[in-house]
Protein backbone atom coordinates (compact mmCIF):
# COMPACT_ATOMS: atom_id res chain seq x y z
CA MET A 1 66.02 -121.99 -48.61
CA ARG A 2 63.37 -123.69 -46.42
CA ILE A 3 64.28 -121.50 -43.48
CA ILE A 4 63.84 -118.31 -45.50
CA LYS A 5 60.49 -119.54 -46.80
CA ARG A 6 59.31 -120.35 -43.24
CA ILE A 7 60.42 -116.93 -42.02
CA ILE A 8 58.52 -115.18 -44.81
CA VAL A 9 55.38 -117.27 -44.28
CA GLY A 10 55.59 -116.67 -40.51
CA TRP A 11 56.04 -112.94 -41.00
CA VAL A 12 53.04 -112.74 -43.37
CA ALA A 13 50.90 -114.75 -40.94
CA LEU A 14 51.93 -112.54 -38.00
CA THR A 15 51.16 -109.40 -40.01
CA CYS A 16 47.71 -110.73 -40.93
CA VAL A 17 46.93 -111.57 -37.30
CA ALA A 18 48.07 -108.11 -36.19
CA MET A 19 45.90 -106.40 -38.82
CA MET A 20 42.89 -108.50 -37.79
CA ALA A 21 43.50 -107.49 -34.15
CA VAL A 22 43.52 -103.81 -35.14
CA VAL A 23 40.28 -104.15 -37.13
CA ALA A 24 38.58 -106.11 -34.33
CA THR A 25 39.69 -103.57 -31.72
CA ARG A 26 38.29 -100.70 -33.78
CA LYS A 27 34.91 -102.46 -33.98
CA LEU A 28 34.66 -103.87 -30.46
CA VAL A 29 36.28 -101.24 -28.22
CA ARG A 30 34.55 -97.89 -28.38
CA ALA A 31 35.94 -94.54 -27.34
CA HIS A 32 33.72 -92.12 -25.46
CA GLY A 33 33.85 -88.71 -23.86
CA THR A 34 34.78 -85.26 -25.06
CA GLU A 35 37.59 -82.99 -23.98
CA ASP A 36 35.27 -81.34 -21.41
CA ASP A 37 33.92 -84.58 -19.86
CA ASP A 38 34.97 -85.88 -16.44
CA GLU A 39 35.45 -89.39 -17.83
CA PHE A 40 36.84 -90.41 -21.20
CA SER A 41 38.08 -93.40 -23.13
CA ILE A 42 40.49 -93.19 -26.06
CA VAL A 43 41.24 -96.01 -28.49
CA ALA A 44 44.09 -95.76 -31.00
CA ALA A 45 44.21 -98.98 -33.01
CA GLY A 46 46.67 -98.65 -35.85
CA ALA A 47 46.36 -94.87 -35.62
CA GLU A 48 47.57 -91.76 -33.83
CA LYS A 49 45.29 -89.75 -31.49
CA ASP A 50 45.75 -86.43 -29.72
CA PHE A 51 43.45 -85.57 -26.80
CA GLN A 52 43.47 -82.46 -24.63
CA SER A 53 41.29 -82.67 -21.54
CA ARG A 54 39.72 -79.47 -20.19
CA SER A 55 37.65 -81.20 -17.50
CA ILE A 56 37.09 -79.27 -14.28
CA ARG A 57 36.60 -82.50 -12.25
CA LEU A 58 38.52 -85.24 -14.04
CA ARG A 59 37.66 -88.58 -12.43
CA GLU A 60 38.75 -91.28 -14.82
CA GLY A 61 40.47 -91.74 -18.13
CA ARG A 62 41.21 -94.87 -20.13
CA ILE A 63 43.56 -95.21 -23.06
CA LEU A 64 44.23 -98.21 -25.29
CA ALA A 65 46.98 -97.87 -27.88
CA LEU A 66 47.23 -100.99 -30.06
CA MET A 67 49.90 -100.59 -32.73
CA GLY A 68 49.22 -96.87 -32.49
CA GLY A 69 49.98 -93.87 -30.34
CA VAL A 70 48.22 -91.40 -28.07
CA GLU A 71 49.30 -88.01 -26.81
CA LEU A 72 47.20 -86.97 -23.81
CA ASP A 73 47.44 -83.36 -22.63
CA LEU A 74 46.07 -82.81 -19.11
CA ILE A 75 47.54 -79.32 -18.56
CA ASP A 76 44.13 -77.59 -18.60
CA ALA A 77 42.34 -80.27 -16.55
CA GLU A 78 41.58 -80.20 -12.83
CA LEU A 79 41.51 -83.44 -10.83
CA GLU A 80 38.78 -84.75 -8.60
CA GLN A 81 40.06 -86.49 -5.49
CA GLY A 82 40.84 -90.14 -6.33
CA ALA A 83 41.29 -89.52 -10.07
CA THR A 84 42.69 -92.45 -12.03
CA LEU A 85 44.16 -93.01 -15.45
CA ASP A 86 44.28 -96.53 -16.93
CA LEU A 87 46.82 -96.83 -19.74
CA THR A 88 47.37 -99.88 -21.93
CA ALA A 89 49.87 -99.87 -24.79
CA VAL A 90 50.55 -102.85 -27.03
CA MET A 91 53.18 -102.36 -29.72
CA GLY A 92 52.53 -98.62 -29.54
CA GLY A 93 53.04 -95.68 -27.24
CA ILE A 94 51.30 -93.29 -24.88
CA ASP A 95 52.61 -89.86 -23.87
CA VAL A 96 50.88 -88.03 -21.00
CA ILE A 97 51.57 -84.39 -20.12
CA VAL A 98 50.48 -83.16 -16.67
CA PRO A 99 50.81 -79.82 -14.84
CA MET A 100 54.00 -79.40 -12.81
CA ASN A 101 52.12 -79.14 -9.49
CA TRP A 102 50.46 -82.59 -9.77
CA ARG A 103 51.78 -85.64 -7.99
CA VAL A 104 51.71 -88.76 -10.14
CA GLU A 105 51.71 -92.23 -8.60
CA ILE A 106 52.18 -95.19 -10.93
CA LEU A 107 51.35 -98.88 -10.69
CA SER A 108 52.83 -100.55 -13.76
CA LYS A 109 53.42 -103.86 -15.49
CA SER A 110 55.59 -104.21 -18.58
CA ILE A 111 56.59 -106.99 -20.93
CA LEU A 112 59.37 -106.01 -23.33
CA GLY A 113 58.37 -102.37 -22.83
CA GLY A 114 58.58 -99.62 -20.30
CA VAL A 115 56.70 -97.09 -18.20
CA ASN A 116 58.48 -93.87 -17.23
CA ASN A 117 57.30 -91.31 -14.70
CA LEU A 118 59.39 -88.22 -15.44
CA THR A 119 57.51 -85.93 -13.05
CA ASP A 120 59.38 -84.48 -10.07
CA PRO A 121 57.82 -85.76 -6.81
CA ASP A 122 59.55 -82.99 -4.86
CA LEU A 123 57.75 -80.17 -6.70
CA GLY A 124 54.25 -80.96 -5.43
CA THR A 125 53.03 -79.73 -2.07
CA ASP A 126 51.26 -81.90 0.50
CA ASP A 127 47.89 -80.72 -0.83
CA ALA A 128 48.86 -81.20 -4.49
CA PRO A 129 46.37 -83.06 -6.68
CA ILE A 130 47.25 -86.77 -6.96
CA LEU A 131 46.76 -88.75 -10.16
CA LEU A 132 46.92 -92.54 -9.85
CA VAL A 133 48.11 -94.13 -13.09
CA ARG A 134 47.69 -97.84 -13.74
CA ALA A 135 49.87 -98.64 -16.74
CA LYS A 136 50.40 -101.80 -18.74
CA SER A 137 52.78 -102.04 -21.68
CA VAL A 138 53.59 -104.92 -24.00
CA MET A 139 56.38 -104.20 -26.46
CA ALA A 140 55.41 -100.55 -25.99
CA GLY A 141 56.32 -97.37 -24.17
CA ILE A 142 54.38 -95.16 -21.78
CA GLU A 143 55.72 -91.83 -20.53
CA ILE A 144 54.27 -89.33 -18.08
CA HIS A 145 55.97 -85.96 -17.80
CA ALA A 146 55.23 -82.49 -16.49
CA SER A 147 54.76 -79.47 -18.67
CA GLU A 148 56.98 -76.42 -18.40
CA GLU A 149 53.80 -74.34 -18.80
CA ALA A 150 51.42 -73.77 -15.92
């Protein structure tokens, strides 16, 4: 009986800490940028967000998904040389859709999670736009894939 009580108390305490983290993240970490801006930041704390970039010179994007999820559509965006995308997912997920002709290079770190680059490196030409993705996942999933549309 003591073990069950400790498990329940531990679970309640962990849930309270997680909820406080979500509330603090919403207050302290601010999103910025519109779908037409060259730089943007998206924060999904305990929520789901969809974002479709239409930038004509995308330089930098940042996404934080904390116990939430983000779907980022970059099909209508054009990259500036040296464009980067910083993705961080903690107990959540991030899905990124890129045009088929982009080359995606990933630097990733994962703890009990995963980062998948499902783009085909053989489809891009030597002068194809290159997107550098720095991804971190903790008990979360991050996936980058190419769209069938062009």
